[in-house]
Amino acid sequence: MVACQQDLISILLEKSTITLTGPNSIIGRAVVVHADPDDLGKGGMNLAKAQEMLVAE
């Protein structure tokens, strides 16, 4: 993965199990890149917990 000054990322991903159809389809999925490392929900108030609260209300 390579980042440039314009906040754009170039990535090359090669995986033979990824397809456009079937159970391993990539259609409808997304990749999210954050500036900080994931704390796996063990930290204080993280973005994932904040989003869960918004959905629950």
PDB file of N, CA and C in Angstrom:
ATOM      1  N   MET A   1       0.850  -1.162   0.000  1.00  0.00           N
ATOM      2  CA  MET A   1       0.000   0.000   0.000  1.00  0.00           C
ATOM      3  C   MET A   1       0.899   1.228   0.000  1.00  0.00           C
ATOM      4  N   VAL A   2       0.576   2.191  -0.836  1.00  0.00           N
ATOM      5  CA  VAL A   2       1.372   3.404  -0.946  1.00  0.00           C
ATOM      6  C   VAL A   2       0.451   4.603  -0.825  1.00  0.00           C
ATOM      7  N   ALA A   3       0.766   5.526   0.077  1.00  0.00           N
ATOM      8  CA  ALA A   3      -0.019   6.755   0.234  1.00  0.00           C
ATOM      9  C   ALA A   3       0.766   7.919  -0.343  1.00  0.00           C
ATOM     10  N   CYS A   4       0.060   8.896  -0.876  1.00  0.00           N
ATOM     11  CA  CYS A   4       0.718  10.082  -1.418  1.00  0.00           C
ATOM     12  C   CYS A   4       0.208  11.321  -0.689  1.00  0.00           C
ATOM     13  N   GLN A   5       0.725  12.470  -1.058  1.00  0.00           N
ATOM     14  CA  GLN A   5       0.387  13.712  -0.361  1.00  0.00           C
ATOM     15  C   GLN A   5      -1.070  14.122  -0.548  1.00  0.00           C
ATOM     16  N   GLN A   6      -1.741  13.641  -1.574  1.00  0.00           N
ATOM     17  CA  GLN A   6      -3.138  14.007  -1.817  1.00  0.00           C
ATOM     18  C   GLN A   6      -4.101  13.084  -1.074  1.00  0.00           C
ATOM     19  N   ASP A   7      -3.615  12.323  -0.101  1.00  0.00           N
ATOM     20  CA  ASP A   7      -4.439  11.397   0.678  1.00  0.00           C
ATOM     21  C   ASP A   7      -5.079  10.317  -0.184  1.00  0.00           C
ATOM     22  N   LEU A   8      -4.395   9.918  -1.240  1.00  0.00           N
ATOM     23  CA  LEU A   8      -4.862   8.825  -2.085  1.00  0.00           C
ATOM     24  C   LEU A   8      -3.982   7.612  -1.836  1.00  0.00           C
ATOM     25  N   ILE A   9      -4.551   6.440  -1.970  1.00  0.00           N
ATOM     26  CA  ILE A   9      -3.815   5.203  -1.728  1.00  0.00           C
ATOM     27  C   ILE A   9      -3.864   4.341  -2.977  1.00  0.00           C
ATOM     28  N   SER A  10      -2.751   3.747  -3.287  1.00  0.00           N
ATOM     29  CA  SER A  10      -2.682   2.783  -4.373  1.00  0.00           C
ATOM     30  C   SER A  10      -2.354   1.428  -3.768  1.00  0.00           C
ATOM     31  N   ILE A  11      -3.178   0.433  -4.061  1.00  0.00           N
ATOM     32  CA  ILE A  11      -2.970  -0.898  -3.495  1.00  0.00           C
ATOM     33  C   ILE A  11      -3.181  -1.949  -4.581  1.00  0.00           C
ATOM     34  N   LEU A  12      -2.351  -2.965  -4.555  1.00  0.00           N
ATOM     35  CA  LEU A  12      -2.504  -4.096  -5.459  1.00  0.00           C
ATOM     36  C   LEU A  12      -2.788  -5.319  -4.608  1.00  0.00           C
ATOM     37  N   LEU A  13      -3.934  -5.935  -4.830  1.00  0.00           N
ATOM     38  CA  LEU A  13      -4.349  -7.097  -4.053  1.00  0.00           C
ATOM     39  C   LEU A  13      -4.602  -8.251  -5.011  1.00  0.00           C
ATOM     40  N   GLU A  14      -3.880  -9.333  -4.814  1.00  0.00           N
ATOM     41  CA  GLU A  14      -4.082 -10.524  -5.628  1.00  0.00           C
ATOM     42  C   GLU A  14      -4.462 -11.678  -4.711  1.00  0.00           C
ATOM     43  N   LYS A  15      -5.661 -12.196  -4.898  1.00  0.00           N
ATOM     44  CA  LYS A  15      -6.148 -13.295  -4.067  1.00  0.00           C
ATOM     45  C   LYS A  15      -7.042 -14.162  -4.937  1.00  0.00           C
ATOM     46  N   SER A  16      -6.697 -15.418  -5.099  1.00  0.00           N
ATOM     47  CA  SER A  16      -7.447 -16.280  -6.011  1.00  0.00           C
ATOM     48  C   SER A  16      -8.824 -16.666  -5.477  1.00  0.00           C
ATOM     49  N   THR A  17      -9.064 -16.525  -4.177  1.00  0.00           N
ATOM     50  CA  THR A  17     -10.365 -16.907  -3.623  1.00  0.00           C
ATOM     51  C   THR A  17     -11.394 -15.789  -3.710  1.00  0.00           C
ATOM     52  N   ILE A  18     -10.991 -14.606  -4.132  1.00  0.00           N
ATOM     53  CA  ILE A  18     -11.920 -13.481  -4.274  1.00  0.00           C
ATOM     54  C   ILE A  18     -12.552 -13.549  -5.663  1.00  0.00           C
ATOM     55  N   THR A  19     -13.880 -13.511  -5.699  1.00  0.00           N
ATOM     56  CA  THR A  19     -14.597 -13.582  -6.967  1.00  0.00           C
ATOM     57  C   THR A  19     -15.655 -12.486  -7.034  1.00  0.00           C
ATOM     58  N   LEU A  20     -16.282 -12.355  -8.190  1.00  0.00           N
ATOM     59  CA  LEU A  20     -17.380 -11.396  -8.352  1.00  0.00           C
ATOM     60  C   LEU A  20     -18.730 -12.026  -8.058  1.00  0.00           C
ATOM     61  N   THR A  21     -18.779 -13.346  -7.958  1.00  0.00           N
ATOM     62  CA  THR A  21     -20.022 -14.056  -7.652  1.00  0.00           C
ATOM     63  C   THR A  21     -19.743 -15.136  -6.616  1.00  0.00           C
ATOM     64  N   GLY A  22     -20.797 -15.639  -5.986  1.00  0.00           N
ATOM     65  CA  GLY A  22     -20.653 -16.729  -5.025  1.00  0.00           C
ATOM     66  C   GLY A  22     -20.367 -16.253  -3.611  1.00  0.00           C
ATOM     67  N   PRO A  23     -20.048 -17.186  -2.698  1.00  0.00           N
ATOM     68  CA  PRO A  23     -19.876 -16.849  -1.276  1.00  0.00           C
ATOM     69  C   PRO A  23     -18.671 -15.956  -0.982  1.00  0.00           C
ATOM     70  N   ASN A  24     -17.690 -15.920  -1.869  1.00  0.00           N
ATOM     71  CA  ASN A  24     -16.514 -15.073  -1.661  1.00  0.00           C
ATOM     72  C   ASN A  24     -16.557 -13.802  -2.492  1.00  0.00           C
ATOM     73  N   SER A  25     -17.745 -13.424  -2.947  1.00  0.00           N
ATOM     74  CA  SER A  25     -17.909 -12.254  -3.805  1.00  0.00           C
ATOM     75  C   SER A  25     -17.479 -10.974  -3.096  1.00  0.00           C
ATOM     76  N   ILE A  26     -16.849 -10.078  -3.847  1.00  0.00           N
ATOM     77  CA  ILE A  26     -16.458  -8.785  -3.282  1.00  0.00           C
ATOM     78  C   ILE A  26     -17.499  -7.702  -3.563  1.00  0.00           C
ATOM     79  N   ILE A  27     -18.542  -8.050  -4.304  1.00  0.00           N
ATOM     80  CA  ILE A  27     -19.602  -7.099  -4.620  1.00  0.00           C
ATOM     81  C   ILE A  27     -20.335  -6.713  -3.331  1.00  0.00           C
ATOM     82  N   GLY A  28     -20.495  -5.422  -3.087  1.00  0.00           N
ATOM     83  CA  GLY A  28     -21.201  -4.941  -1.906  1.00  0.00           C
ATOM     84  C   GLY A  28     -20.340  -4.846  -0.661  1.00  0.00           C
ATOM     85  N   ARG A  29     -19.054  -5.053  -0.790  1.00  0.00           N
ATOM     86  CA  ARG A  29     -18.150  -4.968   0.363  1.00  0.00           C
ATOM     87  C   ARG A  29     -17.287  -3.725   0.241  1.00  0.00           C
ATOM     88  N   ALA A  30     -16.683  -3.327   1.332  1.00  0.00           N
ATOM     89  CA  ALA A  30     -15.848  -2.126   1.334  1.00  0.00           C
ATOM     90  C   ALA A  30     -14.595  -2.358   2.161  1.00  0.00           C
ATOM     91  N   VAL A  31     -13.594  -1.544   1.906  1.00  0.00           N
ATOM     92  CA  VAL A  31     -12.367  -1.538   2.700  1.00  0.00           C
ATOM     93  C   VAL A  31     -12.269  -0.171   3.348  1.00  0.00           C
ATOM     94  N   VAL A  32     -12.072  -0.150   4.651  1.00  0.00           N
ATOM     95  CA  VAL A  32     -11.967   1.106   5.388  1.00  0.00           C
ATOM     96  C   VAL A  32     -10.563   1.207   5.963  1.00  0.00           C
ATOM     97  N   VAL A  33      -9.905   2.340   5.722  1.00  0.00           N
ATOM     98  CA  VAL A  33      -8.554   2.568   6.228  1.00  0.00           C
ATOM     99  C   VAL A  33      -8.608   3.736   7.197  1.00  0.00           C
ATOM    100  N   HIS A  34      -8.149   3.517   8.417  1.00  0.00           N
ATOM    101  CA  HIS A  34      -8.116   4.563   9.432  1.00  0.00           C
ATOM    102  C   HIS A  34      -6.680   5.009   9.668  1.00  0.00           C
ATOM    103  N   ALA A  35      -6.498   6.217  10.172  1.00  0.00           N
ATOM    104  CA  ALA A  35      -5.165   6.741  10.457  1.00  0.00           C
ATOM    105  C   ALA A  35      -4.532   6.045  11.652  1.00  0.00           C
ATOM    106  N   ASP A  36      -5.349   5.628  12.619  1.00  0.00           N
ATOM    107  CA  ASP A  36      -4.836   5.008  13.839  1.00  0.00           C
ATOM    108  C   ASP A  36      -5.028   3.497  13.781  1.00  0.00           C
ATOM    109  N   PRO A  37      -4.171   2.745  14.484  1.00  0.00           N
ATOM    110  CA  PRO A  37      -4.345   1.290  14.517  1.00  0.00           C
ATOM    111  C   PRO A  37      -5.616   0.903  15.268  1.00  0.00           C
ATOM    112  N   ASP A  38      -6.195  -0.223  14.908  1.00  0.00           N
ATOM    113  CA  ASP A  38      -7.407  -0.723  15.553  1.00  0.00           C
ATOM    114  C   ASP A  38      -7.077  -1.224  16.954  1.00  0.00           C
ATOM    115  N   ASP A  39      -7.858  -0.795  17.947  1.00  0.00           N
ATOM    116  CA  ASP A  39      -7.649  -1.271  19.322  1.00  0.00           C
ATOM    117  C   ASP A  39      -8.536  -2.478  19.623  1.00  0.00           C
ATOM    118  N   LEU A  40      -9.196  -3.011  18.585  1.00  0.00           N
ATOM    119  CA  LEU A  40     -10.062  -4.185  18.697  1.00  0.00           C
ATOM    120  C   LEU A  40     -11.178  -3.997  19.720  1.00  0.00           C
ATOM    121  N   GLY A  41     -11.616  -2.760  19.914  1.00  0.00           N
ATOM    122  CA  GLY A  41     -12.710  -2.477  20.832  1.00  0.00           C
ATOM    123  C   GLY A  41     -12.327  -2.495  22.291  1.00  0.00           C
ATOM    124  N   LYS A  42     -11.041  -2.585  22.598  1.00  0.00           N
ATOM    125  CA  LYS A  42     -10.598  -2.682  23.988  1.00  0.00           C
ATOM    126  C   LYS A  42     -10.265  -1.328  24.601  1.00  0.00           C
ATOM    127  N   GLY A  43     -10.263  -0.285  23.798  1.00  0.00           N
ATOM    128  CA  GLY A  43      -9.919   1.041  24.294  1.00  0.00           C
ATOM    129  C   GLY A  43     -11.120   1.737  24.888  1.00  0.00           C
ATOM    130  N   GLY A  44     -11.026   3.042  24.982  1.00  0.00           N
ATOM    131  CA  GLY A  44     -12.138   3.836  25.498  1.00  0.00           C
ATOM    132  C   GLY A  44     -13.230   3.934  24.457  1.00  0.00           C
ATOM    133  N   MET A  45     -13.714   5.118  24.203  1.00  0.00           N
ATOM    134  CA  MET A  45     -14.780   5.344  23.235  1.00  0.00           C
ATOM    135  C   MET A  45     -14.170   5.383  21.841  1.00  0.00           C
ATOM    136  N   ASN A  46     -14.281   4.294  21.098  1.00  0.00           N
ATOM    137  CA  ASN A  46     -13.735   4.289  19.748  1.00  0.00           C
ATOM    138  C   ASN A  46     -14.846   4.522  18.733  1.00  0.00           C
ATOM    139  N   LEU A  47     -14.476   4.653  17.479  1.00  0.00           N
ATOM    140  CA  LEU A  47     -15.439   4.951  16.428  1.00  0.00           C
ATOM    141  C   LEU A  47     -16.486   3.850  16.285  1.00  0.00           C
ATOM    142  N   ALA A  48     -16.081   2.599  16.405  1.00  0.00           N
ATOM    143  CA  ALA A  48     -17.033   1.492  16.259  1.00  0.00           C
ATOM    144  C   ALA A  48     -18.114   1.560  17.331  1.00  0.00           C
ATOM    145  N   LYS A  49     -17.732   1.835  18.569  1.00  0.00           N
ATOM    146  CA  LYS A  49     -18.720   1.932  19.644  1.00  0.00           C
ATOM    147  C   LYS A  49     -19.632   3.132  19.428  1.00  0.00           C
ATOM    148  N   ALA A  50     -19.087   4.232  18.943  1.00  0.00           N
ATOM    149  CA  ALA A  50     -19.897   5.418  18.683  1.00  0.00           C
ATOM    150  C   ALA A  50     -20.922   5.128  17.596  1.00  0.00           C
ATOM    151  N   GLN A  51     -20.536   4.401  16.563  1.00  0.00           N
ATOM    152  CA  GLN A  51     -21.463   4.062  15.489  1.00  0.00           C
ATOM    153  C   GLN A  51     -22.541   3.110  15.984  1.00  0.00           C
ATOM    154  N   GLU A  52     -22.184   2.166  16.846  1.00  0.00           N
ATOM    155  CA  GLU A  52     -23.181   1.255  17.408  1.00  0.00           C
ATOM    156  C   GLU A  52     -24.229   2.031  18.193  1.00  0.00           C
ATOM    157  N   MET A  53     -23.802   3.047  18.925  1.00  0.00           N
ATOM    158  CA  MET A  53     -24.739   3.852  19.708  1.00  0.00           C
ATOM    159  C   MET A  53     -25.682   4.602  18.790  1.00  0.00           C
ATOM    160  N   LEU A  54     -25.172   5.126  17.667  1.00  0.00           N
ATOM    161  CA  LEU A  54     -26.019   5.862  16.738  1.00  0.00           C
ATOM    162  C   LEU A  54     -27.053   4.943  16.094  1.00  0.00           C
ATOM    163  N   VAL A  55     -26.668   3.733  15.773  1.00  0.00           N
ATOM    164  CA  VAL A  55     -27.587   2.784  15.145  1.00  0.00           C
ATOM    165  C   VAL A  55     -28.660   2.346  16.130  1.00  0.00           C
ATOM    166  N   ALA A  56     -28.306   2.179  17.394  1.00  0.00           N
ATOM    167  CA  ALA A  56     -29.241   1.688  18.405  1.00  0.00           C
ATOM    168  C   ALA A  56     -30.310   2.712  18.754  1.00  0.00           C
ATOM    169  N   GLU A  57     -30.027   3.982  18.572  1.00  0.00           N
ATOM    170  CA  GLU A  57     -30.985   5.022  18.979  1.00  0.00           C
ATOM    171  C   GLU A  57     -32.119   5.177  18.010  1.00  0.00           C
TER     172      GLU A  57
END
